[in-house]
Amino acid sequence: MAIPDIQTLGEYNGISKVTANTAVAFTGSNAGAGFICEVVTNVTIHGAGGGTIPGTSLTADTLYPIGVKKVTIGGSGIVYVLHR
């Protein structure tokens, strides 16, 4: 039996890093299924189904299994968006 070229073995199989002073949308095949904030300062998470969460309401280095439509960061935030 041949092993497929692409193996998606984990719950999340892709990672996008969003750094300071950027806004990145995650839609379609690039949809965000969760996120981890390394630095919560100046971060805003836009939920896939609507609404926003300010970074001040989040705990750094915590996995949040919440769908992400967009991440906006000013100043010094860092967010890792996880993909399925």
C-alpha atoms as a PDB file:
ATOM      1  CA  MET A   1       0.000   0.000   0.000  1.00  0.00           C
ATOM      2  CA  ALA A   2       1.394   3.405  -0.955  1.00  0.00           C
ATOM      3  CA  ILE A   3       1.712   6.147   1.649  1.00  0.00           C
ATOM      4  CA  PRO A   4      -0.016   9.382   0.561  1.00  0.00           C
ATOM      5  CA  ASP A   5       2.196  12.425  -0.076  1.00  0.00           C
ATOM      6  CA  ILE A   6       0.133  14.590   2.265  1.00  0.00           C
ATOM      7  CA  GLN A   7      -0.680  13.223   5.685  1.00  0.00           C
ATOM      8  CA  THR A   8      -2.908  15.186   8.037  1.00  0.00           C
ATOM      9  CA  LEU A   9      -2.310  13.376  11.267  1.00  0.00           C
ATOM     10  CA  GLY A  10      -3.170  15.963  13.911  1.00  0.00           C
ATOM     11  CA  GLU A  11      -6.216  17.940  14.888  1.00  0.00           C
ATOM     12  CA  TYR A  12      -4.511  21.011  13.417  1.00  0.00           C
ATOM     13  CA  ASN A  13      -2.175  20.530  10.459  1.00  0.00           C
ATOM     14  CA  GLY A  14      -1.090  24.019   9.453  1.00  0.00           C
ATOM     15  CA  ILE A  15       0.135  27.132  11.232  1.00  0.00           C
ATOM     16  CA  SER A  16       0.157  30.779  10.156  1.00  0.00           C
ATOM     17  CA  LYS A  17       2.118  33.304  12.208  1.00  0.00           C
ATOM     18  CA  VAL A  18       0.680  36.819  12.389  1.00  0.00           C
ATOM     19  CA  THR A  19       3.093  39.465  13.620  1.00  0.00           C
ATOM     20  CA  ALA A  20       2.942  43.089  14.748  1.00  0.00           C
ATOM     21  CA  ASN A  21       1.359  45.816  12.639  1.00  0.00           C
ATOM     22  CA  THR A  22      -0.580  43.491  10.341  1.00  0.00           C
ATOM     23  CA  ALA A  23      -4.118  42.348   9.599  1.00  0.00           C
ATOM     24  CA  VAL A  24      -4.607  38.932   8.009  1.00  0.00           C
ATOM     25  CA  ALA A  25      -7.888  37.370   6.841  1.00  0.00           C
ATOM     26  CA  PHE A  26      -8.394  33.601   7.053  1.00  0.00           C
ATOM     27  CA  THR A  27     -11.112  32.407   4.677  1.00  0.00           C
ATOM     28  CA  GLY A  28     -11.923  29.460   2.430  1.00  0.00           C
ATOM     29  CA  SER A  29      -9.300  26.721   2.448  1.00  0.00           C
ATOM     30  CA  ASN A  30      -7.131  28.955   4.679  1.00  0.00           C
ATOM     31  CA  ALA A  31      -9.782  29.200   7.417  1.00  0.00           C
ATOM     32  CA  GLY A  32      -8.490  29.363  10.974  1.00  0.00           C
ATOM     33  CA  ALA A  33      -9.753  26.592  13.264  1.00  0.00           C
ATOM     34  CA  GLY A  34      -8.020  27.820  16.405  1.00  0.00           C
ATOM     35  CA  PHE A  35      -5.256  30.106  17.645  1.00  0.00           C
ATOM     36  CA  ILE A  36      -2.515  30.646  20.205  1.00  0.00           C
ATOM     37  CA  CYS A  37      -1.361  34.119  21.262  1.00  0.00           C
ATOM     38  CA  GLU A  38       2.321  34.374  22.098  1.00  0.00           C
ATOM     39  CA  VAL A  39       2.003  38.104  22.844  1.00  0.00           C
ATOM     40  CA  VAL A  40      -1.528  39.420  23.533  1.00  0.00           C
ATOM     41  CA  THR A  41      -0.708  43.137  23.376  1.00  0.00           C
ATOM     42  CA  ASN A  42      -2.587  45.041  20.638  1.00  0.00           C
ATOM     43  CA  VAL A  43      -4.283  41.856  19.339  1.00  0.00           C
ATOM     44  CA  THR A  44      -7.873  41.566  18.100  1.00  0.00           C
ATOM     45  CA  ILE A  45      -9.298  38.191  17.048  1.00  0.00           C
ATOM     46  CA  HIS A  46     -12.304  38.259  14.705  1.00  0.00           C
ATOM     47  CA  GLY A  47     -14.454  35.135  15.074  1.00  0.00           C
ATOM     48  CA  ALA A  48     -15.490  33.081  12.057  1.00  0.00           C
ATOM     49  CA  GLY A  49     -19.146  33.485  13.024  1.00  0.00           C
ATOM     50  CA  GLY A  50     -18.852  37.144  14.028  1.00  0.00           C
ATOM     51  CA  GLY A  51     -17.720  39.067  17.068  1.00  0.00           C
ATOM     52  CA  THR A  52     -14.270  40.018  18.321  1.00  0.00           C
ATOM     53  CA  ILE A  53     -12.033  39.203  21.266  1.00  0.00           C
ATOM     54  CA  PRO A  54      -9.454  41.754  22.420  1.00  0.00           C
ATOM     55  CA  GLY A  55      -6.033  40.408  23.332  1.00  0.00           C
ATOM     56  CA  THR A  56      -6.446  41.757  26.855  1.00  0.00           C
ATOM     57  CA  SER A  57      -9.123  39.073  27.388  1.00  0.00           C
ATOM     58  CA  LEU A  58      -6.770  36.255  26.340  1.00  0.00           C
ATOM     59  CA  THR A  59      -4.038  34.343  28.146  1.00  0.00           C
ATOM     60  CA  ALA A  60      -0.703  34.001  26.373  1.00  0.00           C
ATOM     61  CA  ASP A  61       0.408  30.520  25.285  1.00  0.00           C
ATOM     62  CA  THR A  62      -3.104  29.071  25.537  1.00  0.00           C
ATOM     63  CA  LEU A  63      -4.813  27.126  22.744  1.00  0.00           C
ATOM     64  CA  TYR A  64      -8.209  28.598  21.867  1.00  0.00           C
ATOM     65  CA  PRO A  65     -10.207  26.212  19.602  1.00  0.00           C
ATOM     66  CA  ILE A  66     -12.257  29.081  18.153  1.00  0.00           C
ATOM     67  CA  GLY A  67     -12.734  29.652  14.408  1.00  0.00           C
ATOM     68  CA  VAL A  68     -10.831  32.704  13.172  1.00  0.00           C
ATOM     69  CA  LYS A  69     -11.887  34.956  10.302  1.00  0.00           C
ATOM     70  CA  LYS A  70      -9.274  37.673  10.788  1.00  0.00           C
ATOM     71  CA  VAL A  71      -6.451  38.677  13.117  1.00  0.00           C
ATOM     72  CA  THR A  72      -5.547  42.343  13.538  1.00  0.00           C
ATOM     73  CA  ILE A  73      -2.378  43.309  15.390  1.00  0.00           C
ATOM     74  CA  GLY A  74      -0.946  46.723  16.107  1.00  0.00           C
ATOM     75  CA  GLY A  75       2.235  47.340  18.062  1.00  0.00           C
ATOM     76  CA  SER A  76       3.785  44.152  19.389  1.00  0.00           C
ATOM     77  CA  GLY A  77       1.367  41.189  19.293  1.00  0.00           C
ATOM     78  CA  ILE A  78       2.069  37.696  17.933  1.00  0.00           C
ATOM     79  CA  VAL A  79      -0.632  35.143  17.099  1.00  0.00           C
ATOM     80  CA  TYR A  80      -0.386  31.645  15.624  1.00  0.00           C
ATOM     81  CA  VAL A  81      -3.533  30.682  13.695  1.00  0.00           C
ATOM     82  CA  LEU A  82      -4.080  26.921  13.407  1.00  0.00           C
ATOM     83  CA  HIS A  83      -5.592  25.274  10.334  1.00  0.00           C
ATOM     84  CA  ARG A  84      -7.196  21.860   9.814  1.00  0.00           C
END
